[in-house]
């Protein structure tokens, strides 16, 4: 699996409350069409304290505009949120506008936890929920 710095949404981003990814990715056209474009969102530091977290891929026509959800993971419980866990966001869907970001919705009160996420190339690993 290859992660490119320019295709990262989050690089070991601490997620202790609801937040958007550190980075917004600008794309040319609806990259969800054609060959599948893979997304990886992985826990890189164990989460503590929260009840669950939901990760959503969001898109917008303008970088600072109002983003809409394209796909969400559903609530992932604290017990699963250990280093190495990969969120079930296998591929970017159709319907992508000019900008992409991730939104992390936290339930409860997190005291620790980090995520690295981005568009990847060359992955042949399975994802687990």
C-alpha atoms as a PDB file:
ATOM      1  CA  UNK A   1       0.000   0.000   0.000  1.00  0.00           C
ATOM      2  CA  UNK A   2       1.293   3.452  -0.915  1.00  0.00           C
ATOM      3  CA  UNK A   3       0.235   6.696   0.799  1.00  0.00           C
ATOM      4  CA  UNK A   4       1.229   9.961  -0.873  1.00  0.00           C
ATOM      5  CA  UNK A   5       1.650  13.100   1.244  1.00  0.00           C
ATOM      6  CA  UNK A   6      -0.476  15.117  -1.197  1.00  0.00           C
ATOM      7  CA  UNK A   7      -3.308  12.592  -0.954  1.00  0.00           C
ATOM      8  CA  UNK A   8      -3.481  12.510   2.853  1.00  0.00           C
ATOM      9  CA  UNK A   9      -6.585  13.617   4.678  1.00  0.00           C
ATOM     10  CA  UNK A  10      -5.033  13.062   8.109  1.00  0.00           C
ATOM     11  CA  UNK A  11      -1.483  12.264   9.229  1.00  0.00           C
ATOM     12  CA  UNK A  12      -1.658  10.838  12.761  1.00  0.00           C
ATOM     13  CA  UNK A  13      -4.386  13.388  13.486  1.00  0.00           C
ATOM     14  CA  UNK A  14      -5.553  13.389  17.102  1.00  0.00           C
ATOM     15  CA  UNK A  15      -9.331  12.929  17.205  1.00  0.00           C
ATOM     16  CA  UNK A  16     -10.666  13.723  20.674  1.00  0.00           C
ATOM     17  CA  UNK A  17     -13.821  15.500  19.517  1.00  0.00           C
ATOM     18  CA  UNK A  18     -15.863  15.782  16.334  1.00  0.00           C
ATOM     19  CA  UNK A  19     -13.629  17.311  13.653  1.00  0.00           C
ATOM     20  CA  UNK A  20     -12.843  17.369   9.942  1.00  0.00           C
ATOM     21  CA  UNK A  21      -9.620  16.026   8.471  1.00  0.00           C
ATOM     22  CA  UNK A  22      -6.582  18.294   8.649  1.00  0.00           C
ATOM     23  CA  UNK A  23      -6.317  18.306   4.855  1.00  0.00           C
ATOM     24  CA  UNK A  24      -8.780  18.830   2.030  1.00  0.00           C
ATOM     25  CA  UNK A  25      -7.926  17.144  -1.273  1.00  0.00           C
ATOM     26  CA  UNK A  26      -8.702  18.905  -4.554  1.00  0.00           C
ATOM     27  CA  UNK A  27      -9.592  16.512  -7.376  1.00  0.00           C
ATOM     28  CA  UNK A  28     -10.139  16.843 -11.107  1.00  0.00           C
ATOM     29  CA  UNK A  29     -13.500  15.415 -12.034  1.00  0.00           C
ATOM     30  CA  UNK A  30     -15.465  12.599 -10.445  1.00  0.00           C
ATOM     31  CA  UNK A  31     -12.617  10.223  -9.589  1.00  0.00           C
ATOM     32  CA  UNK A  32     -15.180   7.787  -8.162  1.00  0.00           C
ATOM     33  CA  UNK A  33     -16.072   6.761 -11.733  1.00  0.00           C
ATOM     34  CA  UNK A  34     -14.041   4.189 -13.651  1.00  0.00           C
ATOM     35  CA  UNK A  35     -11.277   2.283 -11.854  1.00  0.00           C
ATOM     36  CA  UNK A  36     -11.877   2.046  -8.083  1.00  0.00           C
ATOM     37  CA  UNK A  37      -9.991   4.651  -6.039  1.00  0.00           C
ATOM     38  CA  UNK A  38      -9.117   3.202  -2.653  1.00  0.00           C
ATOM     39  CA  UNK A  39      -9.361   5.082   0.647  1.00  0.00           C
ATOM     40  CA  UNK A  40      -7.579   4.086   3.838  1.00  0.00           C
ATOM     41  CA  UNK A  41      -8.537   5.419   7.266  1.00  0.00           C
ATOM     42  CA  UNK A  42      -6.579   3.627   9.984  1.00  0.00           C
ATOM     43  CA  UNK A  43      -6.196   4.021  13.728  1.00  0.00           C
ATOM     44  CA  UNK A  44      -2.530   4.712  14.541  1.00  0.00           C
ATOM     45  CA  UNK A  45      -2.982   5.319  18.276  1.00  0.00           C
ATOM     46  CA  UNK A  46      -5.519   3.492  20.453  1.00  0.00           C
ATOM     47  CA  UNK A  47      -8.652   5.462  21.272  1.00  0.00           C
ATOM     48  CA  UNK A  48      -9.679   5.942  24.880  1.00  0.00           C
ATOM     49  CA  UNK A  49     -12.774   7.326  26.548  1.00  0.00           C
ATOM     50  CA  UNK A  50     -15.203   7.732  23.653  1.00  0.00           C
ATOM     51  CA  UNK A  51     -18.291   5.628  22.995  1.00  0.00           C
ATOM     52  CA  UNK A  52     -17.863   5.360  19.220  1.00  0.00           C
ATOM     53  CA  UNK A  53     -16.715   7.231  16.118  1.00  0.00           C
ATOM     54  CA  UNK A  54     -18.158   7.562  12.621  1.00  0.00           C
ATOM     55  CA  UNK A  55     -16.018   8.500   9.620  1.00  0.00           C
ATOM     56  CA  UNK A  56     -17.617  10.135   6.575  1.00  0.00           C
ATOM     57  CA  UNK A  57     -16.156  10.944   3.172  1.00  0.00           C
ATOM     58  CA  UNK A  58     -17.446  14.402   2.299  1.00  0.00           C
ATOM     59  CA  UNK A  59     -17.408  16.459  -0.901  1.00  0.00           C
ATOM     60  CA  UNK A  60     -18.052  20.047  -1.969  1.00  0.00           C
ATOM     61  CA  UNK A  61     -17.762  22.297  -5.033  1.00  0.00           C
ATOM     62  CA  UNK A  62     -15.704  24.855  -3.073  1.00  0.00           C
ATOM     63  CA  UNK A  63     -13.012  24.303  -0.454  1.00  0.00           C
ATOM     64  CA  UNK A  64     -14.711  26.438   2.200  1.00  0.00           C
ATOM     65  CA  UNK A  65     -18.288  25.553   1.251  1.00  0.00           C
ATOM     66  CA  UNK A  66     -20.887  23.304   2.816  1.00  0.00           C
ATOM     67  CA  UNK A  67     -19.777  19.675   2.483  1.00  0.00           C
ATOM     68  CA  UNK A  68     -22.132  16.739   2.003  1.00  0.00           C
ATOM     69  CA  UNK A  69     -21.570  13.120   3.011  1.00  0.00           C
ATOM     70  CA  UNK A  70     -20.864  10.645   0.209  1.00  0.00           C
ATOM     71  CA  UNK A  71     -20.428   7.574   2.389  1.00  0.00           C
ATOM     72  CA  UNK A  72     -20.105   6.875   6.120  1.00  0.00           C
ATOM     73  CA  UNK A  73     -18.793   3.989   8.160  1.00  0.00           C
ATOM     74  CA  UNK A  74     -21.574   3.884  10.692  1.00  0.00           C
ATOM     75  CA  UNK A  75     -20.670   3.955  14.370  1.00  0.00           C
ATOM     76  CA  UNK A  76     -17.507   2.008  15.249  1.00  0.00           C
ATOM     77  CA  UNK A  77     -17.360   1.083  18.940  1.00  0.00           C
ATOM     78  CA  UNK A  78     -14.405   1.860  21.219  1.00  0.00           C
ATOM     79  CA  UNK A  79     -13.473  -1.823  21.565  1.00  0.00           C
ATOM     80  CA  UNK A  80     -12.448  -1.942  17.878  1.00  0.00           C
ATOM     81  CA  UNK A  81     -10.539   1.360  17.851  1.00  0.00           C
ATOM     82  CA  UNK A  82      -7.047  -0.020  18.494  1.00  0.00           C
ATOM     83  CA  UNK A  83      -3.884   0.765  16.507  1.00  0.00           C
ATOM     84  CA  UNK A  84      -4.090  -1.031  13.164  1.00  0.00           C
ATOM     85  CA  UNK A  85      -7.896  -0.964  12.845  1.00  0.00           C
ATOM     86  CA  UNK A  86      -8.984   0.011   9.309  1.00  0.00           C
ATOM     87  CA  UNK A  87     -12.318   1.765   8.883  1.00  0.00           C
ATOM     88  CA  UNK A  88     -14.626   0.215   6.253  1.00  0.00           C
ATOM     89  CA  UNK A  89     -14.207   2.899   3.561  1.00  0.00           C
ATOM     90  CA  UNK A  90     -12.886   0.677   0.809  1.00  0.00           C
ATOM     91  CA  UNK A  91     -13.417   2.866  -2.300  1.00  0.00           C
ATOM     92  CA  UNK A  92     -14.464   6.403  -3.180  1.00  0.00           C
ATOM     93  CA  UNK A  93     -18.044   6.422  -4.449  1.00  0.00           C
ATOM     94  CA  UNK A  94     -19.428   8.125  -7.556  1.00  0.00           C
ATOM     95  CA  UNK A  95     -20.607  11.696  -7.025  1.00  0.00           C
ATOM     96  CA  UNK A  96     -17.367  13.412  -6.072  1.00  0.00           C
ATOM     97  CA  UNK A  97     -17.227  17.154  -6.585  1.00  0.00           C
ATOM     98  CA  UNK A  98     -14.055  19.309  -6.655  1.00  0.00           C
ATOM     99  CA  UNK A  99     -12.995  18.888  -3.007  1.00  0.00           C
ATOM    100  CA  UNK A 100     -12.855  15.933  -0.621  1.00  0.00           C
ATOM    101  CA  UNK A 101     -12.331  15.663   3.119  1.00  0.00           C
ATOM    102  CA  UNK A 102     -13.163  13.297   5.961  1.00  0.00           C
ATOM    103  CA  UNK A 103     -15.420  14.108   8.880  1.00  0.00           C
ATOM    104  CA  UNK A 104     -14.866  12.341  12.203  1.00  0.00           C
ATOM    105  CA  UNK A 105     -17.954  12.308  14.433  1.00  0.00           C
ATOM    106  CA  UNK A 106     -17.150  11.372  18.021  1.00  0.00           C
ATOM    107  CA  UNK A 107     -19.749  10.146  20.527  1.00  0.00           C
ATOM    108  CA  UNK A 108     -18.710  10.461  24.127  1.00  0.00           C
ATOM    109  CA  UNK A 109     -15.543  12.067  25.417  1.00  0.00           C
ATOM    110  CA  UNK A 110     -12.296  10.867  23.849  1.00  0.00           C
ATOM    111  CA  UNK A 111      -9.042  11.356  25.729  1.00  0.00           C
ATOM    112  CA  UNK A 112      -6.752   9.741  23.145  1.00  0.00           C
ATOM    113  CA  UNK A 113      -6.763   8.368  19.624  1.00  0.00           C
ATOM    114  CA  UNK A 114      -5.171   9.185  16.275  1.00  0.00           C
ATOM    115  CA  UNK A 115      -6.031   8.423  12.649  1.00  0.00           C
ATOM    116  CA  UNK A 116      -4.013   8.452   9.446  1.00  0.00           C
ATOM    117  CA  UNK A 117      -6.159   8.555   6.310  1.00  0.00           C
ATOM    118  CA  UNK A 118      -5.725   9.134   2.613  1.00  0.00           C
ATOM    119  CA  UNK A 119      -6.208   7.978  -0.930  1.00  0.00           C
ATOM    120  CA  UNK A 120      -3.979   4.940  -1.468  1.00  0.00           C
ATOM    121  CA  UNK A 121      -2.475   2.979  -4.326  1.00  0.00           C
ATOM    122  CA  UNK A 122      -1.361  -0.625  -4.452  1.00  0.00           C
ATOM    123  CA  UNK A 123      -3.266  -2.124  -1.530  1.00  0.00           C
ATOM    124  CA  UNK A 124      -4.214  -5.784  -1.624  1.00  0.00           C
ATOM    125  CA  UNK A 125      -5.016  -6.114   2.065  1.00  0.00           C
ATOM    126  CA  UNK A 126      -8.455  -7.059   3.283  1.00  0.00           C
ATOM    127  CA  UNK A 127     -10.442  -4.665   5.431  1.00  0.00           C
ATOM    128  CA  UNK A 128     -12.107  -5.730   8.625  1.00  0.00           C
ATOM    129  CA  UNK A 129     -15.097  -4.225  10.380  1.00  0.00           C
END
